[in-house]
C-alpha atoms as a PDB file:
ATOM      1  CA  MET A   1     -59.876  57.323  31.404  1.00  0.00           C
ATOM      2  CA  SER A   2     -63.199  55.479  31.460  1.00  0.00           C
ATOM      3  CA  THR A   3     -66.025  56.690  33.690  1.00  0.00           C
ATOM      4  CA  ARG A   4     -68.042  53.520  33.118  1.00  0.00           C
ATOM      5  CA  PRO A   5     -68.951  51.897  36.450  1.00  0.00           C
ATOM      6  CA  PRO A   6     -67.464  48.453  37.138  1.00  0.00           C
ATOM      7  CA  ASN A   7     -69.735  45.591  36.045  1.00  0.00           C
ATOM      8  CA  GLY A   8     -67.566  42.499  36.190  1.00  0.00           C
ATOM      9  CA  ASP A   9     -66.744  42.487  32.472  1.00  0.00           C
ATOM     10  CA  ASP A  10     -63.009  42.344  33.217  1.00  0.00           C
ATOM     11  CA  VAL A  11     -63.232  39.593  35.850  1.00  0.00           C
ATOM     12  CA  LYS A  12     -61.995  36.202  34.627  1.00  0.00           C
ATOM     13  CA  SER A  13     -62.439  33.960  37.666  1.00  0.00           C
ATOM     14  CA  PHE A  14     -63.269  33.730  41.353  1.00  0.00           C
ATOM     15  CA  ARG A  15     -62.619  31.274  44.196  1.00  0.00           C
ATOM     16  CA  VAL A  16     -65.225  29.447  46.213  1.00  0.00           C
ATOM     17  CA  THR A  17     -65.021  26.970  49.081  1.00  0.00           C
ATOM     18  CA  LEU A  18     -67.859  24.448  49.104  1.00  0.00           C
ATOM     19  CA  ASP A  19     -67.992  21.302  51.228  1.00  0.00           C
ATOM     20  CA  GLY A  20     -64.407  21.899  52.358  1.00  0.00           C
ATOM     21  CA  ILE A  21     -63.001  22.050  48.817  1.00  0.00           C
ATOM     22  CA  GLU A  22     -61.679  25.238  47.229  1.00  0.00           C
ATOM     23  CA  HIS A  23     -62.541  25.738  43.562  1.00  0.00           C
ATOM     24  CA  GLN A  24     -61.222  28.290  41.074  1.00  0.00           C
ATOM     25  CA  LEU A  25     -64.141  28.982  38.729  1.00  0.00           C
ATOM     26  CA  ASP A  26     -64.422  30.811  35.445  1.00  0.00           C
ATOM     27  CA  TYR A  27     -66.576  33.921  35.563  1.00  0.00           C
ATOM     28  CA  ARG A  28     -69.068  34.581  32.766  1.00  0.00           C
ATOM     29  CA  PRO A  29     -69.518  38.378  32.386  1.00  0.00           C
ATOM     30  CA  GLY A  30     -72.908  39.554  33.560  1.00  0.00           C
ATOM     31  CA  ALA A  31     -73.654  36.358  35.486  1.00  0.00           C
ATOM     32  CA  VAL A  32     -74.177  36.118  39.224  1.00  0.00           C
ATOM     33  CA  LEU A  33     -71.830  33.903  41.242  1.00  0.00           C
ATOM     34  CA  LEU A  34     -74.560  31.300  41.781  1.00  0.00           C
ATOM     35  CA  ASP A  35     -75.020  30.736  38.048  1.00  0.00           C
ATOM     36  CA  CYS A  36     -71.282  30.295  37.519  1.00  0.00           C
ATOM     37  CA  MET A  37     -71.179  27.724  40.304  1.00  0.00           C
ATOM     38  CA  ILE A  38     -74.088  25.795  38.805  1.00  0.00           C
ATOM     39  CA  ASP A  39     -72.424  25.988  35.353  1.00  0.00           C
ATOM     40  CA  ALA A  40     -69.351  24.362  36.955  1.00  0.00           C
ATOM     41  CA  ASP A  41     -71.508  21.470  38.245  1.00  0.00           C
ATOM     42  CA  LEU A  42     -71.269  22.581  41.865  1.00  0.00           C
ATOM     43  CA  ASP A  43     -74.278  22.262  44.145  1.00  0.00           C
ATOM     44  CA  PRO A  44     -74.517  25.365  46.355  1.00  0.00           C
ATOM     45  CA  ALA A  45     -77.550  25.935  48.561  1.00  0.00           C
ATOM     46  CA  PHE A  46     -80.143  28.216  46.978  1.00  0.00           C
ATOM     47  CA  GLN A  47     -83.877  28.566  46.667  1.00  0.00           C
ATOM     48  CA  CYS A  48     -85.601  31.728  45.433  1.00  0.00           C
ATOM     49  CA  ARG A  49     -82.835  33.213  43.209  1.00  0.00           C
ATOM     50  CA  GLU A  50     -84.337  36.672  43.860  1.00  0.00           C
ATOM     51  CA  GLY A  51     -82.543  37.855  47.001  1.00  0.00           C
ATOM     52  CA  HIS A  52     -85.535  37.231  49.275  1.00  0.00           C
ATOM     53  CA  CYS A  53     -84.859  34.004  51.199  1.00  0.00           C
ATOM     54  CA  GLY A  54     -81.189  34.097  52.280  1.00  0.00           C
ATOM     55  CA  THR A  55     -80.582  30.427  51.515  1.00  0.00           C
ATOM     56  CA  CYS A  56     -77.562  31.302  49.327  1.00  0.00           C
ATOM     57  CA  MET A  57     -75.945  33.587  51.934  1.00  0.00           C
ATOM     58  CA  VAL A  58     -72.164  33.051  52.019  1.00  0.00           C
ATOM     59  CA  LEU A  59     -69.183  34.773  53.587  1.00  0.00           C
ATOM     60  CA  LYS A  60     -67.115  36.922  51.244  1.00  0.00           C
ATOM     61  CA  LEU A  61     -63.480  36.502  52.280  1.00  0.00           C
ATOM     62  CA  ALA A  62     -61.878  38.754  49.673  1.00  0.00           C
ATOM     63  CA  GLY A  63     -62.603  40.989  46.719  1.00  0.00           C
ATOM     64  CA  GLU A  64     -65.416  43.289  45.729  1.00  0.00           C
ATOM     65  CA  VAL A  65     -68.903  42.319  44.614  1.00  0.00           C
ATOM     66  CA  GLU A  66     -72.071  44.186  43.805  1.00  0.00           C
ATOM     67  CA  MET A  67     -75.384  42.720  44.865  1.00  0.00           C
ATOM     68  CA  ARG A  68     -78.186  43.450  42.419  1.00  0.00           C
ATOM     69  CA  GLN A  69     -80.770  43.130  45.160  1.00  0.00           C
ATOM     70  CA  ASN A  70     -80.859  42.364  48.874  1.00  0.00           C
ATOM     71  CA  ASN A  71     -84.104  41.943  50.752  1.00  0.00           C
ATOM     72  CA  VAL A  72     -82.850  39.660  53.508  1.00  0.00           C
ATOM     73  CA  LEU A  73     -79.355  40.519  54.769  1.00  0.00           C
ATOM     74  CA  SER A  74     -79.166  42.951  57.674  1.00  0.00           C
ATOM     75  CA  ARG A  75     -76.714  45.812  57.905  1.00  0.00           C
ATOM     76  CA  ARG A  76     -74.793  43.691  60.422  1.00  0.00           C
ATOM     77  CA  ASP A  77     -74.658  40.733  57.987  1.00  0.00           C
ATOM     78  CA  LEU A  78     -73.219  43.040  55.344  1.00  0.00           C
ATOM     79  CA  GLU A  79     -70.671  44.490  57.782  1.00  0.00           C
ATOM     80  CA  LEU A  80     -69.531  40.948  58.621  1.00  0.00           C
ATOM     81  CA  GLY A  81     -69.007  40.252  54.908  1.00  0.00           C
ATOM     82  CA  TYR A  82     -72.030  38.136  54.019  1.00  0.00           C
ATOM     83  CA  ILE A  83     -73.416  38.265  50.480  1.00  0.00           C
ATOM     84  CA  LEU A  84     -76.073  36.470  48.442  1.00  0.00           C
ATOM     85  CA  LEU A  85     -74.711  34.224  45.674  1.00  0.00           C
ATOM     86  CA  CYS A  86     -77.882  34.684  43.622  1.00  0.00           C
ATOM     87  CA  GLN A  87     -77.419  38.457  43.468  1.00  0.00           C
ATOM     88  CA  SER A  88     -73.649  38.992  43.515  1.00  0.00           C
ATOM     89  CA  ILE A  89     -71.535  40.053  40.559  1.00  0.00           C
ATOM     90  CA  PRO A  90     -67.757  40.178  41.113  1.00  0.00           C
ATOM     91  CA  LEU A  91     -66.096  43.528  40.500  1.00  0.00           C
ATOM     92  CA  SER A  92     -62.522  42.372  41.138  1.00  0.00           C
ATOM     93  CA  ASP A  93     -60.398  39.345  40.218  1.00  0.00           C
ATOM     94  CA  ASP A  94     -59.675  38.453  43.830  1.00  0.00           C
ATOM     95  CA  VAL A  95     -63.219  37.493  44.884  1.00  0.00           C
ATOM     96  CA  GLN A  96     -63.258  34.557  47.287  1.00  0.00           C
ATOM     97  CA  VAL A  97     -66.362  33.239  49.034  1.00  0.00           C
ATOM     98  CA  ASP A  98     -66.872  30.534  51.653  1.00  0.00           C
ATOM     99  CA  CYS A  99     -70.130  28.590  51.367  1.00  0.00           C
ATOM    100  CA  ASP A 100     -69.272  26.562  54.475  1.00  0.00           C
ATOM    101  CA  ALA A 101     -69.033  29.505  56.893  1.00  0.00           C
END
């Protein structure tokens, strides 16, 4: 049994809704969700890429993610399921986010 913490290495894809269209995107191990979306030629809202501005805040509908850093989301935001695309790494194959929420 491995005691290594999850890091997204086993995740193959995730789902994202942007502009009313659901996309199934490939996940590149070690990348944040925002980078995978940009790699797939999607145009999500973002600005600082450092977890400071909140521009890339989206609603996580399913799955588990780890945010590398969060300097803008409140405890309440987190409880409601909001995450930052620029800081989030998926830890499970069932990650689904809604950029339109």
